[in-house]
Amino acid sequence: MKLDSKPTKISIGLQGKHYTDSTFFEQELRSIWHHTWQFVGRDEDIPEPGDYFTCILGQEPIVVIRMPELSIRARHNDSRQLGARLQDGQVVSGFR
């Protein structure tokens, strides 16, 4: 069988504007990010109760905390009452 080495006119990727256009980003946030699970970190990064890390998920500041019973909880990293972030830093050990 001989393979055809001619370039194809069929595009299988996204156009460049899909990676930079704010309209596409907002649409992705609404249709994908807010309705699916997202990976933000590894559990071994916060092995002890009180350890936490922060990240931005889409446009939302998130804090991920190892709880006293060793479960992991993710919450919005802001306070409506204080109008500020609750935690700063990437990975912090020993927050109690």
C-alpha atoms as a PDB file:
ATOM      1  CA  MET A   1       0.000   0.000   0.000  1.00  0.00           C
ATOM      2  CA  LYS A   2       1.380   3.382  -0.978  1.00  0.00           C
ATOM      3  CA  LEU A   3       0.774   6.278   1.417  1.00  0.00           C
ATOM      4  CA  ASP A   4      -0.145   9.630  -0.064  1.00  0.00           C
ATOM      5  CA  SER A   5       2.319  12.266   1.133  1.00  0.00           C
ATOM      6  CA  LYS A   6       0.301  15.236  -0.120  1.00  0.00           C
ATOM      7  CA  PRO A   7      -0.741  17.720   2.566  1.00  0.00           C
ATOM      8  CA  THR A   8      -4.356  17.477   3.556  1.00  0.00           C
ATOM      9  CA  LYS A   9      -6.726  20.444   3.570  1.00  0.00           C
ATOM     10  CA  ILE A  10      -8.641  19.057   6.518  1.00  0.00           C
ATOM     11  CA  SER A  11      -7.835  20.760   9.804  1.00  0.00           C
ATOM     12  CA  ILE A  12      -8.052  18.586  12.897  1.00  0.00           C
ATOM     13  CA  GLY A  13      -7.085  21.227  15.482  1.00  0.00           C
ATOM     14  CA  LEU A  14      -8.582  24.460  16.697  1.00  0.00           C
ATOM     15  CA  GLN A  15      -7.853  27.765  15.053  1.00  0.00           C
ATOM     16  CA  GLY A  16      -5.419  29.974  16.957  1.00  0.00           C
ATOM     17  CA  LYS A  17      -8.125  32.445  17.992  1.00  0.00           C
ATOM     18  CA  HIS A  18      -9.803  29.731  20.077  1.00  0.00           C
ATOM     19  CA  TYR A  19      -6.835  29.848  22.463  1.00  0.00           C
ATOM     20  CA  THR A  20      -6.798  33.632  22.953  1.00  0.00           C
ATOM     21  CA  ASP A  21     -10.301  35.006  22.324  1.00  0.00           C
ATOM     22  CA  SER A  22     -12.110  35.958  25.545  1.00  0.00           C
ATOM     23  CA  THR A  23     -15.491  35.065  24.017  1.00  0.00           C
ATOM     24  CA  PHE A  24     -14.399  31.437  23.535  1.00  0.00           C
ATOM     25  CA  PHE A  25     -12.912  31.387  27.035  1.00  0.00           C
ATOM     26  CA  GLU A  26     -16.179  32.575  28.611  1.00  0.00           C
ATOM     27  CA  GLN A  27     -18.109  29.990  26.599  1.00  0.00           C
ATOM     28  CA  GLU A  28     -15.742  27.218  27.756  1.00  0.00           C
ATOM     29  CA  LEU A  29     -16.118  28.305  31.377  1.00  0.00           C
ATOM     30  CA  ARG A  30     -19.916  28.127  31.141  1.00  0.00           C
ATOM     31  CA  SER A  31     -20.200  24.936  29.084  1.00  0.00           C
ATOM     32  CA  ILE A  32     -17.232  22.835  30.278  1.00  0.00           C
ATOM     33  CA  TRP A  33     -15.288  24.081  33.316  1.00  0.00           C
ATOM     34  CA  HIS A  34     -18.287  24.716  35.563  1.00  0.00           C
ATOM     35  CA  HIS A  35     -19.835  21.311  34.816  1.00  0.00           C
ATOM     36  CA  THR A  36     -16.909  18.879  34.953  1.00  0.00           C
ATOM     37  CA  TRP A  37     -14.301  17.714  37.445  1.00  0.00           C
ATOM     38  CA  GLN A  38     -10.967  19.527  37.171  1.00  0.00           C
ATOM     39  CA  PHE A  39      -7.541  18.362  38.388  1.00  0.00           C
ATOM     40  CA  VAL A  40      -5.807  20.933  40.588  1.00  0.00           C
ATOM     41  CA  GLY A  41      -3.182  18.972  42.531  1.00  0.00           C
ATOM     42  CA  ARG A  42      -2.013  15.743  44.107  1.00  0.00           C
ATOM     43  CA  ASP A  43      -3.057  14.502  47.530  1.00  0.00           C
ATOM     44  CA  GLU A  44       0.549  13.740  48.522  1.00  0.00           C
ATOM     45  CA  ASP A  45       1.288  17.477  48.295  1.00  0.00           C
ATOM     46  CA  ILE A  46      -0.839  17.978  51.425  1.00  0.00           C
ATOM     47  CA  PRO A  47      -0.164  14.871  53.554  1.00  0.00           C
ATOM     48  CA  GLU A  48      -0.869  16.253  57.044  1.00  0.00           C
ATOM     49  CA  PRO A  49      -4.041  17.747  58.526  1.00  0.00           C
ATOM     50  CA  GLY A  50      -3.935  21.505  58.044  1.00  0.00           C
ATOM     51  CA  ASP A  51      -1.741  21.386  54.919  1.00  0.00           C
ATOM     52  CA  TYR A  52      -3.209  23.268  51.990  1.00  0.00           C
ATOM     53  CA  PHE A  53      -2.497  24.694  48.556  1.00  0.00           C
ATOM     54  CA  THR A  54      -4.105  27.424  46.511  1.00  0.00           C
ATOM     55  CA  CYS A  55      -4.788  27.725  42.814  1.00  0.00           C
ATOM     56  CA  ILE A  56      -6.909  29.538  40.266  1.00  0.00           C
ATOM     57  CA  LEU A  57      -9.493  27.300  38.601  1.00  0.00           C
ATOM     58  CA  GLY A  58     -10.840  29.056  35.526  1.00  0.00           C
ATOM     59  CA  GLN A  59     -11.219  32.479  37.112  1.00  0.00           C
ATOM     60  CA  GLU A  60     -11.987  31.311  40.653  1.00  0.00           C
ATOM     61  CA  PRO A  61      -9.448  31.339  43.511  1.00  0.00           C
ATOM     62  CA  ILE A  62      -9.521  27.924  45.228  1.00  0.00           C
ATOM     63  CA  VAL A  63      -7.982  26.609  48.454  1.00  0.00           C
ATOM     64  CA  VAL A  64      -7.564  22.826  48.890  1.00  0.00           C
ATOM     65  CA  ILE A  65      -7.159  21.713  52.517  1.00  0.00           C
ATOM     66  CA  ARG A  66      -6.297  18.393  54.219  1.00  0.00           C
ATOM     67  CA  MET A  67      -8.864  18.064  56.997  1.00  0.00           C
ATOM     68  CA  PRO A  68      -8.238  16.604  60.512  1.00  0.00           C
ATOM     69  CA  GLU A  69      -9.901  13.291  59.538  1.00  0.00           C
ATOM     70  CA  LEU A  70      -7.527  13.207  56.479  1.00  0.00           C
ATOM     71  CA  SER A  71     -10.227  13.971  53.904  1.00  0.00           C
ATOM     72  CA  ILE A  72      -9.545  16.724  51.383  1.00  0.00           C
ATOM     73  CA  ARG A  73     -11.833  19.703  50.827  1.00  0.00           C
ATOM     74  CA  ALA A  74     -11.736  22.361  48.134  1.00  0.00           C
ATOM     75  CA  ARG A  75     -13.409  25.704  48.717  1.00  0.00           C
ATOM     76  CA  HIS A  76     -13.565  29.119  47.135  1.00  0.00           C
ATOM     77  CA  ASN A  77     -10.587  31.030  48.485  1.00  0.00           C
ATOM     78  CA  ASP A  78     -12.437  34.215  49.288  1.00  0.00           C
ATOM     79  CA  SER A  79     -14.605  35.690  51.953  1.00  0.00           C
ATOM     80  CA  ARG A  80     -17.663  37.679  51.024  1.00  0.00           C
ATOM     81  CA  GLN A  81     -17.651  39.247  54.496  1.00  0.00           C
ATOM     82  CA  LEU A  82     -13.970  40.240  54.430  1.00  0.00           C
ATOM     83  CA  GLY A  83     -13.738  40.868  50.693  1.00  0.00           C
ATOM     84  CA  ALA A  84     -10.345  39.162  50.626  1.00  0.00           C
ATOM     85  CA  ARG A  85      -8.629  35.840  49.987  1.00  0.00           C
ATOM     86  CA  LEU A  86      -8.585  33.453  52.914  1.00  0.00           C
ATOM     87  CA  GLN A  87      -5.183  31.831  52.218  1.00  0.00           C
ATOM     88  CA  ASP A  88      -2.105  32.773  50.191  1.00  0.00           C
ATOM     89  CA  GLY A  89       0.701  30.568  48.928  1.00  0.00           C
ATOM     90  CA  GLN A  90       1.132  27.544  46.737  1.00  0.00           C
ATOM     91  CA  VAL A  91       1.649  24.589  49.108  1.00  0.00           C
ATOM     92  CA  VAL A  92       1.776  25.197  52.838  1.00  0.00           C
ATOM     93  CA  SER A  93       2.393  22.603  55.535  1.00  0.00           C
ATOM     94  CA  GLY A  94       1.084  22.778  59.046  1.00  0.00           C
ATOM     95  CA  PHE A  95      -1.696  25.377  58.807  1.00  0.00           C
ATOM     96  CA  ARG A  96      -3.816  24.749  61.881  1.00  0.00           C
END
